[in-house]
Amino acid sequence: MNVQKPNNTHERVRDFQNRLYLTAKTNKKRRFHAMYDKIYRKDILEEAWKRVKTNGGAGGIDNVSVADVIEYGEE
């Protein structure tokens, strides 16, 4: 079976989220112990930033605002 890979960042992130969801639903005892290597991908972080920036975001525990990140440098 030839599965076509998503070609843009939004589709790749959505595909990644869907695979995690299906894995968790398929096996209720499945635990995700090492997620850092999966979410610290450049495409995942870029998509997350795009979503936060688009919706205005909210200061987290570190009190860093969207404006602070833009000033510091988005890259």
N, C-alpha and C. Protein backbone atom coordinates (compact mmCIF):
# COMPACT_ATOMS: atom_id res chain seq x y z
N MET A 1 0.84 -1.17 0.00
CA MET A 1 0.00 0.00 0.00
C MET A 1 0.89 1.24 0.00
N ASN A 2 0.65 2.17 -0.89
CA ASN A 2 1.42 3.39 -0.99
C ASN A 2 0.66 4.53 -0.30
N VAL A 3 1.20 4.98 0.83
CA VAL A 3 0.56 6.05 1.59
C VAL A 3 1.23 7.36 1.23
N GLN A 4 0.43 8.33 0.80
CA GLN A 4 0.97 9.62 0.42
C GLN A 4 1.23 10.47 1.65
N LYS A 5 2.45 11.03 1.74
CA LYS A 5 2.81 11.86 2.88
C LYS A 5 2.27 13.27 2.67
N PRO A 6 1.83 13.91 3.75
CA PRO A 6 1.37 15.30 3.65
C PRO A 6 2.50 16.19 3.16
N ASN A 7 2.16 17.22 2.37
CA ASN A 7 3.22 18.02 1.78
C ASN A 7 3.39 19.41 2.38
N ASN A 8 2.49 19.86 3.23
CA ASN A 8 2.75 21.15 3.87
C ASN A 8 2.78 20.98 5.38
N THR A 9 3.32 21.99 6.04
CA THR A 9 3.53 21.90 7.49
C THR A 9 2.25 21.63 8.25
N HIS A 10 1.19 22.35 7.93
CA HIS A 10 -0.08 22.15 8.63
C HIS A 10 -0.56 20.71 8.49
N GLU A 11 -0.49 20.17 7.29
CA GLU A 11 -0.93 18.78 7.07
C GLU A 11 -0.03 17.79 7.80
N ARG A 12 1.29 18.04 7.83
CA ARG A 12 2.21 17.14 8.53
C ARG A 12 1.94 17.14 10.03
N VAL A 13 1.69 18.32 10.58
CA VAL A 13 1.40 18.40 12.02
C VAL A 13 0.08 17.72 12.32
N ARG A 14 -0.94 17.96 11.51
CA ARG A 14 -2.24 17.32 11.71
C ARG A 14 -2.11 15.81 11.60
N ASP A 15 -1.32 15.33 10.65
CA ASP A 15 -1.08 13.89 10.50
C ASP A 15 -0.39 13.33 11.74
N PHE A 16 0.61 14.06 12.26
CA PHE A 16 1.31 13.64 13.46
C PHE A 16 0.35 13.56 14.66
N GLN A 17 -0.48 14.59 14.82
CA GLN A 17 -1.46 14.60 15.92
C GLN A 17 -2.42 13.42 15.78
N ASN A 18 -2.87 13.16 14.57
CA ASN A 18 -3.81 12.08 14.32
C ASN A 18 -3.18 10.72 14.65
N ARG A 19 -1.91 10.53 14.25
CA ARG A 19 -1.24 9.26 14.54
C ARG A 19 -1.09 9.05 16.04
N LEU A 20 -0.74 10.12 16.77
CA LEU A 20 -0.64 10.00 18.24
C LEU A 20 -1.99 9.66 18.85
N TYR A 21 -3.02 10.34 18.39
CA TYR A 21 -4.38 10.10 18.89
C TYR A 21 -4.80 8.64 18.65
N LEU A 22 -4.61 8.17 17.41
CA LEU A 22 -5.02 6.80 17.08
C LEU A 22 -4.22 5.77 17.87
N THR A 23 -2.93 6.04 18.07
CA THR A 23 -2.11 5.13 18.85
C THR A 23 -2.61 5.05 20.29
N ALA A 24 -2.93 6.20 20.87
CA ALA A 24 -3.44 6.23 22.25
C ALA A 24 -4.79 5.55 22.36
N LYS A 25 -5.67 5.75 21.38
CA LYS A 25 -7.01 5.15 21.42
C LYS A 25 -6.97 3.65 21.17
N THR A 26 -6.05 3.21 20.33
CA THR A 26 -5.94 1.79 20.00
C THR A 26 -5.47 0.98 21.19
N ASN A 27 -4.57 1.54 21.95
CA ASN A 27 -3.99 0.83 23.09
C ASN A 27 -4.08 1.72 24.32
N LYS A 28 -5.08 1.48 25.16
CA LYS A 28 -5.33 2.32 26.34
C LYS A 28 -4.17 2.30 27.34
N LYS A 29 -3.34 1.25 27.29
CA LYS A 29 -2.22 1.15 28.22
C LYS A 29 -0.95 1.80 27.67
N ARG A 30 -0.99 2.25 26.43
CA ARG A 30 0.18 2.87 25.79
C ARG A 30 0.51 4.17 26.49
N ARG A 31 1.78 4.33 26.85
CA ARG A 31 2.25 5.56 27.49
C ARG A 31 3.30 6.19 26.58
N PHE A 32 3.28 7.49 26.52
CA PHE A 32 4.23 8.23 25.71
C PHE A 32 5.25 8.87 26.65
N HIS A 33 6.34 8.17 26.87
CA HIS A 33 7.34 8.63 27.85
C HIS A 33 8.31 9.65 27.27
N ALA A 34 8.68 9.49 26.05
CA ALA A 34 9.70 10.36 25.45
C ALA A 34 9.11 11.13 24.27
N MET A 35 8.42 12.21 24.58
CA MET A 35 7.78 13.00 23.53
C MET A 35 8.65 14.16 23.05
N TYR A 36 9.66 14.51 23.83
CA TYR A 36 10.48 15.67 23.51
C TYR A 36 11.02 15.60 22.08
N ASP A 37 11.56 14.45 21.70
CA ASP A 37 12.13 14.31 20.37
C ASP A 37 11.07 14.42 19.27
N LYS A 38 9.82 14.21 19.60
CA LYS A 38 8.75 14.27 18.61
C LYS A 38 8.17 15.67 18.47
N ILE A 39 8.11 16.41 19.56
CA ILE A 39 7.53 17.76 19.48
C ILE A 39 8.58 18.83 19.25
N TYR A 40 9.83 18.50 19.41
CA TYR A 40 10.89 19.48 19.22
C TYR A 40 11.40 19.46 17.78
N ARG A 41 10.52 19.10 16.88
CA ARG A 41 10.84 19.14 15.45
C ARG A 41 10.54 20.55 14.95
N LYS A 42 11.35 21.02 14.04
CA LYS A 42 11.20 22.37 13.51
C LYS A 42 9.81 22.60 12.94
N ASP A 43 9.28 21.64 12.17
CA ASP A 43 7.96 21.83 11.57
C ASP A 43 6.86 21.91 12.63
N ILE A 44 6.98 21.12 13.68
CA ILE A 44 5.99 21.13 14.76
C ILE A 44 6.03 22.47 15.49
N LEU A 45 7.24 22.94 15.82
CA LEU A 45 7.37 24.21 16.53
C LEU A 45 6.92 25.39 15.68
N GLU A 46 7.21 25.36 14.38
CA GLU A 46 6.77 26.45 13.50
C GLU A 46 5.25 26.51 13.41
N GLU A 47 4.63 25.36 13.31
CA GLU A 47 3.16 25.33 13.24
C GLU A 47 2.55 25.78 14.57
N ALA A 48 3.13 25.36 15.67
CA ALA A 48 2.63 25.79 16.98
C ALA A 48 2.74 27.31 17.13
N TRP A 49 3.89 27.87 16.73
CA TRP A 49 4.07 29.32 16.82
C TRP A 49 3.07 30.05 15.94
N LYS A 50 2.87 29.53 14.72
CA LYS A 50 1.91 30.16 13.81
C LYS A 50 0.52 30.20 14.43
N ARG A 51 0.13 29.11 15.08
CA ARG A 51 -1.20 29.05 15.70
C ARG A 51 -1.30 30.00 16.89
N VAL A 52 -0.29 30.03 17.73
CA VAL A 52 -0.29 30.92 18.89
C VAL A 52 -0.34 32.38 18.44
N LYS A 53 0.49 32.71 17.46
CA LYS A 53 0.55 34.08 16.96
C LYS A 53 -0.77 34.50 16.34
N THR A 54 -1.40 33.60 15.59
CA THR A 54 -2.67 33.89 14.93
C THR A 54 -3.79 34.14 15.93
N ASN A 55 -3.83 33.35 17.00
CA ASN A 55 -4.94 33.50 17.96
C ASN A 55 -4.61 34.47 19.10
N GLY A 56 -3.48 35.15 19.00
CA GLY A 56 -3.13 36.14 20.01
C GLY A 56 -2.42 35.58 21.22
N GLY A 57 -2.44 34.27 21.34
CA GLY A 57 -1.73 33.60 22.42
C GLY A 57 -2.07 34.13 23.79
N ALA A 58 -1.47 33.56 24.77
CA ALA A 58 -1.64 34.00 26.16
C ALA A 58 -0.34 33.70 26.88
N GLY A 59 0.03 34.61 27.78
CA GLY A 59 1.24 34.39 28.55
C GLY A 59 1.14 33.11 29.36
N GLY A 60 2.14 32.32 29.27
CA GLY A 60 2.16 31.08 30.05
C GLY A 60 2.80 31.33 31.40
N ILE A 61 3.31 30.28 31.97
CA ILE A 61 3.92 30.37 33.30
C ILE A 61 5.13 31.29 33.29
N ASP A 62 5.76 31.45 32.11
CA ASP A 62 6.94 32.30 32.01
C ASP A 62 6.60 33.78 31.74
N ASN A 63 5.31 34.09 31.56
CA ASN A 63 4.84 35.45 31.29
C ASN A 63 5.46 36.07 30.05
N VAL A 64 5.83 35.25 29.07
CA VAL A 64 6.37 35.75 27.81
C VAL A 64 5.20 35.93 26.85
N SER A 65 5.05 37.14 26.34
CA SER A 65 3.94 37.43 25.43
C SER A 65 4.36 37.20 23.98
N VAL A 66 3.38 37.19 23.09
CA VAL A 66 3.66 37.07 21.66
C VAL A 66 4.57 38.21 21.24
N ALA A 67 4.29 39.43 21.72
CA ALA A 67 5.13 40.60 21.38
C ALA A 67 6.57 40.39 21.85
N ASP A 68 6.75 39.78 23.02
CA ASP A 68 8.10 39.51 23.53
C ASP A 68 8.85 38.57 22.60
N VAL A 69 8.18 37.55 22.13
CA VAL A 69 8.82 36.59 21.23
C VAL A 69 9.17 37.26 19.91
N ILE A 70 8.28 38.07 19.39
CA ILE A 70 8.56 38.78 18.14
C ILE A 70 9.75 39.70 18.31
N GLU A 71 9.79 40.41 19.44
CA GLU A 71 10.91 41.32 19.71
C GLU A 71 12.23 40.56 19.84
N TYR A 72 12.19 39.43 20.54
CA TYR A 72 13.38 38.61 20.75
C TYR A 72 13.86 38.00 19.44
N GLY A 73 12.89 37.58 18.63
CA GLY A 73 13.18 36.95 17.35
C GLY A 73 12.41 35.65 17.21
N GLU A 74 11.58 35.59 16.20
CA GLU A 74 10.73 34.41 16.01
C GLU A 74 11.51 33.16 15.61
N GLU A 75 12.59 33.32 14.93
CA GLU A 75 13.37 32.17 14.47
C GLU A 75 13.95 31.46 15.67
